[in-house]
């Protein structure tokens, strides 16, 4: 594999959200030379995520797919990534009702000129991993009703799915939609409602798909979303559930740190500055017990961010 491609992919987590357009342009420039292997498949998945989930740019993703080469020796990972991304593009591009786009294969949904040879029928797990980018693209495009319908459409099937990987894929999808909207620009009440809906769906889905840690983190997400919207009581309820799970299961210092962070945001949303200050002190005391350097830096950044919020108050 081209070491330059590996280096580019290794840096994707760090840079794609900060400069999504630059990252998308780089992927477009590399498209025709991508190898039809695991690394190429990773690049295709990044294109789906950035061009739809961050930029809602279906045209860019279509150009990317049309630039790909599909040799007869293409690997299974490549074929699935291309099929999944074609399905996501078709789902975003279609004029949809809540039932018009379903679990059909990518071969049925994609434009013929973009379809790789022998495109596999997507598994539910693969489709639900792509769904987060479909929902986010619809939301960023102002199609929040469609985004909500697409997310809710599969909840019942996902939470009762016999395949644990599929259940996890749907739960992660809902969580990532909530996170993507929470990290995005504010000021749109319909997107805010979708953010909260996605966090609520994720909490229900993880109860069927994961362990206590997944559920605890879903409560954290729900607390943060409620707090962002100024729902102090609801945020506090979810944050207390998050903290209770950490205490019941003897969670590590970093997990407890973020439970206290959720409580800080909840108390602040509810106007209890004394309680919020106490939660900030708990976070500071836990920081010394976090040995992993990367996690320590992440937690220190979270402290800096809440201090910046406090500093912005009149």
Protein backbone atom coordinates (compact mmCIF):
# COMPACT_ATOMS: atom_id res chain seq x y z
CA UNK A 1 0.00 0.00 0.00
CA UNK A 2 1.08 3.54 -0.70
CA UNK A 3 2.53 4.83 2.61
CA UNK A 4 1.23 8.31 1.79
CA UNK A 5 -2.33 6.93 1.70
CA UNK A 6 -1.81 5.20 5.04
CA UNK A 7 -0.50 8.41 6.56
CA UNK A 8 -3.47 10.34 5.17
CA UNK A 9 -5.96 7.85 6.61
CA UNK A 10 -4.19 7.75 9.97
CA UNK A 11 -4.65 11.50 10.27
CA UNK A 12 -8.31 11.45 9.29
CA UNK A 13 -9.73 11.35 12.81
CA UNK A 14 -7.71 14.38 13.78
CA UNK A 15 -8.36 16.64 10.81
CA UNK A 16 -11.60 15.73 9.02
CA UNK A 17 -13.96 17.58 11.37
CA UNK A 18 -11.78 20.71 11.53
CA UNK A 19 -11.42 21.03 7.76
CA UNK A 20 -14.10 18.87 6.15
CA UNK A 21 -14.03 20.63 2.78
CA UNK A 22 -10.26 20.35 2.48
CA UNK A 23 -10.44 16.70 3.51
CA UNK A 24 -13.19 16.02 0.95
CA UNK A 25 -11.17 17.70 -1.80
CA UNK A 26 -8.18 15.54 -0.92
CA UNK A 27 -10.31 12.40 -1.14
CA UNK A 28 -11.64 13.50 -4.53
CA UNK A 29 -8.10 14.05 -5.77
CA UNK A 30 -7.10 10.55 -4.65
CA UNK A 31 -10.22 8.72 -5.83
CA UNK A 32 -9.00 7.41 -9.19
CA UNK A 33 -5.83 5.99 -7.65
CA UNK A 34 -7.35 4.29 -4.61
CA UNK A 35 -6.51 0.60 -4.28
CA UNK A 36 -9.49 -1.76 -4.21
CA UNK A 37 -8.45 -3.20 -0.85
CA UNK A 38 -8.95 -2.55 2.89
CA UNK A 39 -7.22 0.83 2.77
CA UNK A 40 -9.23 1.90 -0.24
CA UNK A 41 -12.41 0.78 1.49
CA UNK A 42 -11.48 2.93 4.49
CA UNK A 43 -11.07 5.93 2.20
CA UNK A 44 -14.49 5.27 0.62
CA UNK A 45 -16.11 5.17 4.07
CA UNK A 46 -14.41 8.45 4.97
CA UNK A 47 -15.76 10.01 1.78
CA UNK A 48 -19.27 8.92 2.72
CA UNK A 49 -18.90 10.32 6.22
CA UNK A 50 -17.34 13.67 5.35
CA UNK A 51 -19.19 14.46 2.13
CA UNK A 52 -22.59 13.51 3.55
CA UNK A 53 -22.32 13.60 7.35
CA UNK A 54 -20.35 16.86 7.53
CA UNK A 55 -20.94 18.67 4.24
CA UNK A 56 -24.26 17.28 2.94
CA UNK A 57 -22.63 17.40 -0.48
CA UNK A 58 -24.19 14.60 -2.50
CA UNK A 59 -22.71 15.95 -5.74
CA UNK A 60 -19.17 15.67 -4.38
CA UNK A 61 -19.81 12.11 -3.26
CA UNK A 62 -21.26 11.22 -6.65
CA UNK A 63 -18.15 12.58 -8.38
CA UNK A 64 -15.97 10.63 -5.97
CA UNK A 65 -17.79 7.36 -6.69
CA UNK A 66 -17.69 7.94 -10.43
CA UNK A 67 -13.90 8.38 -10.23
CA UNK A 68 -13.24 5.04 -8.56
CA UNK A 69 -11.72 2.15 -10.46
CA UNK A 70 -13.17 -1.34 -9.89
CA UNK A 71 -10.67 -4.01 -10.92
CA UNK A 72 -11.81 -7.61 -11.13
CA UNK A 73 -9.52 -8.36 -8.18
CA UNK A 74 -11.37 -5.97 -5.85
CA UNK A 75 -11.59 -7.26 -2.30
CA UNK A 76 -14.74 -7.89 -0.30
CA UNK A 77 -14.15 -4.88 1.98
CA UNK A 78 -13.89 -2.61 -1.07
CA UNK A 79 -17.06 -3.96 -2.63
CA UNK A 80 -19.04 -3.56 0.59
CA UNK A 81 -17.73 -0.03 1.19
CA UNK A 82 -18.68 1.03 -2.34
CA UNK A 83 -22.11 -0.60 -2.10
CA UNK A 84 -22.76 1.00 1.29
CA UNK A 85 -21.72 4.44 0.06
CA UNK A 86 -23.86 4.13 -3.06
CA UNK A 87 -26.83 3.21 -0.88
CA UNK A 88 -26.21 6.26 1.32
CA UNK A 89 -25.91 8.55 -1.70
CA UNK A 90 -29.12 7.19 -3.21
CA UNK A 91 -30.96 7.58 0.09
CA UNK A 92 -29.94 11.22 0.39
CA UNK A 93 -30.55 12.02 -3.27
CA UNK A 94 -34.00 10.44 -3.48
CA UNK A 95 -37.23 12.38 -2.98
CA UNK A 96 -38.42 10.31 -0.08
CA UNK A 97 -41.48 9.55 1.94
CA UNK A 98 -40.87 7.61 5.14
CA UNK A 99 -41.14 4.35 3.24
CA UNK A 100 -39.64 5.04 -0.17
CA UNK A 101 -36.07 4.09 0.74
CA UNK A 102 -35.77 0.74 2.48
CA UNK A 103 -33.31 -2.12 2.82
CA UNK A 104 -32.89 -2.77 -0.89
CA UNK A 105 -29.42 -3.55 -2.10
CA UNK A 106 -27.08 -0.89 -3.38
CA UNK A 107 -27.35 -2.46 -6.82
CA UNK A 108 -31.05 -1.58 -6.91
CA UNK A 109 -30.57 1.94 -5.56
CA UNK A 110 -27.39 3.22 -7.18
CA UNK A 111 -27.03 4.84 -10.56
CA UNK A 112 -25.74 2.19 -13.01
CA UNK A 113 -22.64 4.16 -13.95
CA UNK A 114 -21.53 4.33 -10.29
CA UNK A 115 -22.13 0.69 -9.40
CA UNK A 116 -19.06 -1.54 -8.98
CA UNK A 117 -19.20 -5.03 -10.42
CA UNK A 118 -20.78 -7.72 -8.25
CA UNK A 119 -22.00 -5.20 -5.67
CA UNK A 120 -23.10 -7.18 -2.62
CA UNK A 121 -26.48 -6.84 -0.99
CA UNK A 122 -25.92 -4.81 2.16
CA UNK A 123 -26.32 -6.37 5.55
CA UNK A 124 -28.49 -4.52 8.05
CA UNK A 125 -25.37 -3.75 10.09
CA UNK A 126 -23.62 -2.13 7.12
CA UNK A 127 -26.73 -0.17 6.18
CA UNK A 128 -27.20 1.14 9.72
CA UNK A 129 -23.56 2.22 9.86
CA UNK A 130 -24.22 4.32 6.76
CA UNK A 131 -27.55 5.60 8.09
CA UNK A 132 -25.94 8.14 10.40
CA UNK A 133 -24.49 9.97 7.40
CA UNK A 134 -27.83 9.84 5.59
CA UNK A 135 -29.65 11.33 8.58
CA UNK A 136 -27.02 14.02 9.13
CA UNK A 137 -26.96 14.99 5.46
CA UNK A 138 -30.74 15.35 5.44
CA UNK A 139 -30.58 17.43 8.61
CA UNK A 140 -27.87 19.78 7.28
CA UNK A 141 -29.91 20.15 4.09
CA UNK A 142 -32.95 21.36 6.01
CA UNK A 143 -34.86 18.10 5.53
CA UNK A 144 -35.22 17.40 9.24
CA UNK A 145 -38.62 15.69 8.98
CA UNK A 146 -37.16 13.19 6.52
CA UNK A 147 -34.10 12.77 8.73
CA UNK A 148 -36.26 12.00 11.74
CA UNK A 149 -38.41 9.55 9.78
CA UNK A 150 -35.36 7.73 8.42
CA UNK A 151 -33.90 7.36 11.91
CA UNK A 152 -37.14 6.16 13.55
CA UNK A 153 -38.13 3.91 10.66
CA UNK A 154 -35.73 1.12 11.64
CA UNK A 155 -35.76 1.36 15.43
CA UNK A 156 -38.14 -1.52 16.11
CA UNK A 157 -36.39 -3.83 13.67
CA UNK A 158 -32.97 -2.86 15.01
CA UNK A 159 -33.68 -3.30 18.70
CA UNK A 160 -35.13 -6.79 18.10
CA UNK A 161 -32.55 -7.83 15.50
CA UNK A 162 -31.03 -11.31 16.05
CA UNK A 163 -27.56 -10.08 15.07
CA UNK A 164 -25.80 -8.29 17.94
CA UNK A 165 -23.56 -6.42 15.49
CA UNK A 166 -26.62 -5.02 13.73
CA UNK A 167 -28.16 -3.89 17.03
CA UNK A 168 -24.91 -2.14 17.95
CA UNK A 169 -24.66 -0.53 14.51
CA UNK A 170 -28.08 1.07 14.85
CA UNK A 171 -27.46 2.23 18.43
CA UNK A 172 -24.15 3.78 17.38
CA UNK A 173 -25.86 5.43 14.42
CA UNK A 174 -28.39 7.18 16.66
CA UNK A 175 -25.67 8.24 19.11
CA UNK A 176 -23.48 9.60 16.32
CA UNK A 177 -26.37 11.59 14.87
CA UNK A 178 -26.91 13.20 18.28
CA UNK A 179 -23.19 13.89 18.62
CA UNK A 180 -22.89 15.32 15.12
CA UNK A 181 -25.79 17.69 15.68
CA UNK A 182 -24.53 18.64 19.15
CA UNK A 183 -21.15 19.56 17.68
CA UNK A 184 -22.68 21.48 14.79
CA UNK A 185 -23.98 25.04 14.43
CA UNK A 186 -26.79 26.14 16.70
CA UNK A 187 -29.89 28.17 16.03
CA UNK A 188 -32.18 25.70 14.24
CA UNK A 189 -34.98 24.46 16.49
CA UNK A 190 -35.86 21.55 14.19
CA UNK A 191 -32.28 20.28 14.21
CA UNK A 192 -32.22 20.70 17.99
CA UNK A 193 -35.33 18.54 18.25
CA UNK A 194 -33.73 15.91 16.03
CA UNK A 195 -30.59 15.97 18.17
CA UNK A 196 -32.61 15.25 21.28
CA UNK A 197 -34.66 12.61 19.49
CA UNK A 198 -31.50 10.85 18.30
CA UNK A 199 -30.00 10.86 21.82
CA UNK A 200 -33.25 9.42 23.21
CA UNK A 201 -33.36 6.73 20.52
CA UNK A 202 -29.70 5.89 21.21
CA UNK A 203 -30.43 5.45 24.92
CA UNK A 204 -33.25 3.01 24.13
CA UNK A 205 -31.24 1.19 21.49
CA UNK A 206 -28.16 0.69 23.66
CA UNK A 207 -30.35 -0.92 26.32
CA UNK A 208 -30.91 -3.70 23.76
CA UNK A 209 -27.48 -3.66 22.14
CA UNK A 210 -24.78 -3.04 24.73
CA UNK A 211 -23.54 -3.38 28.28
CA UNK A 212 -23.72 -0.98 31.21
CA UNK A 213 -20.92 1.16 29.78
CA UNK A 214 -22.78 1.75 26.52
CA UNK A 215 -25.95 2.68 28.42
CA UNK A 216 -24.03 4.94 30.79
CA UNK A 217 -22.46 6.78 27.86
CA UNK A 218 -25.87 7.08 26.21
CA UNK A 219 -27.10 8.74 29.42
CA UNK A 220 -24.10 11.09 29.21
CA UNK A 221 -25.04 12.00 25.64
CA UNK A 222 -28.67 12.54 26.60
CA UNK A 223 -27.64 14.75 29.53
CA UNK A 224 -25.39 16.86 27.33
CA UNK A 225 -28.09 17.30 24.67
CA UNK A 226 -30.71 18.32 27.23
CA UNK A 227 -28.26 20.71 28.90
CA UNK A 228 -27.37 22.33 25.58
CA UNK A 229 -31.06 23.12 25.07
CA UNK A 230 -31.42 24.51 28.61
CA UNK A 231 -33.46 21.57 29.93
CA UNK A 232 -31.96 21.56 33.42
CA UNK A 233 -34.22 19.01 35.10
CA UNK A 234 -34.06 16.50 32.24
CA UNK A 235 -30.30 16.94 31.92
CA UNK A 236 -29.86 16.36 35.64
CA UNK A 237 -31.93 13.17 35.54
CA UNK A 238 -29.80 11.70 32.74
CA UNK A 239 -26.54 12.85 34.34
CA UNK A 240 -27.49 11.26 37.67
CA UNK A 241 -28.21 7.99 35.83
CA UNK A 242 -24.77 8.25 34.24
CA UNK A 243 -23.08 8.83 37.60
CA UNK A 244 -25.07 6.06 39.31
CA UNK A 245 -23.93 3.54 36.71
CA UNK A 246 -20.31 4.56 37.23
CA UNK A 247 -20.62 4.12 40.98
CA UNK A 248 -22.45 0.79 40.72
CA UNK A 249 -19.82 -0.69 38.40
CA UNK A 250 -16.65 0.78 39.90
CA UNK A 251 -15.85 2.83 36.82
CA UNK A 252 -12.38 4.16 36.14
CA UNK A 253 -11.44 7.75 36.91
CA UNK A 254 -11.89 8.88 33.31
CA UNK A 255 -15.43 7.48 33.12
CA UNK A 256 -16.31 9.14 36.43
CA UNK A 257 -14.72 12.36 35.18
CA UNK A 258 -17.19 12.60 32.31
CA UNK A 259 -20.13 11.73 34.55
CA UNK A 260 -19.21 14.77 36.64
CA UNK A 261 -18.84 16.80 33.45
CA UNK A 262 -22.40 15.83 32.52
CA UNK A 263 -23.53 16.92 35.97
CA UNK A 264 -21.69 20.23 35.58
CA UNK A 265 -23.55 20.97 32.36
CA UNK A 266 -26.85 19.85 33.88
CA UNK A 267 -26.51 22.02 36.98
CA UNK A 268 -25.46 24.99 34.90
CA UNK A 269 -28.45 24.52 32.59
CA UNK A 270 -30.65 24.50 35.68
CA UNK A 271 -29.04 27.65 37.06
CA UNK A 272 -27.39 26.00 40.10
CA UNK A 273 -23.92 27.54 39.95
CA UNK A 274 -22.92 26.27 43.42
CA UNK A 275 -23.57 22.66 42.43
CA UNK A 276 -21.83 23.21 39.09
CA UNK A 277 -18.75 24.53 40.87
CA UNK A 278 -18.69 21.42 43.05
CA UNK A 279 -18.81 19.18 39.97
CA UNK A 280 -15.93 21.10 38.44
CA UNK A 281 -13.91 20.43 41.60
CA UNK A 282 -14.67 16.69 41.32
CA UNK A 283 -13.41 16.75 37.73
CA UNK A 284 -10.21 18.48 38.79
CA UNK A 285 -9.55 15.95 41.55
CA UNK A 286 -10.10 12.99 39.22
CA UNK A 287 -7.72 14.36 36.58
CA UNK A 288 -4.66 13.31 38.59
CA UNK A 289 -5.84 9.68 38.57
CA UNK A 290 -6.07 9.43 34.78
CA UNK A 291 -2.82 7.79 33.73
CA UNK A 292 -3.35 7.38 30.00
CA UNK A 293 -1.72 10.38 28.34
CA UNK A 294 -4.26 10.74 25.53
CA UNK A 295 -7.24 10.43 27.87
CA UNK A 296 -5.61 12.82 30.34
CA UNK A 297 -5.24 15.41 27.57
CA UNK A 298 -8.85 14.89 26.51
CA UNK A 299 -10.09 15.42 30.07
CA UNK A 300 -7.87 18.46 30.53
CA UNK A 301 -9.40 19.90 27.36
CA UNK A 302 -12.89 19.29 28.76
CA UNK A 303 -11.92 21.25 31.88
CA UNK A 304 -10.53 24.07 29.76
CA UNK A 305 -13.77 24.20 27.77
CA UNK A 306 -15.99 24.52 30.83
CA UNK A 307 -13.66 27.17 32.22
CA UNK A 308 -14.02 29.05 28.95
CA UNK A 309 -17.79 28.79 29.24
CA UNK A 310 -17.62 30.17 32.78
CA UNK A 311 -15.33 32.94 31.60
CA UNK A 312 -17.81 33.95 28.92
CA UNK A 313 -20.53 34.76 31.43
CA UNK A 314 -21.30 38.44 32.00
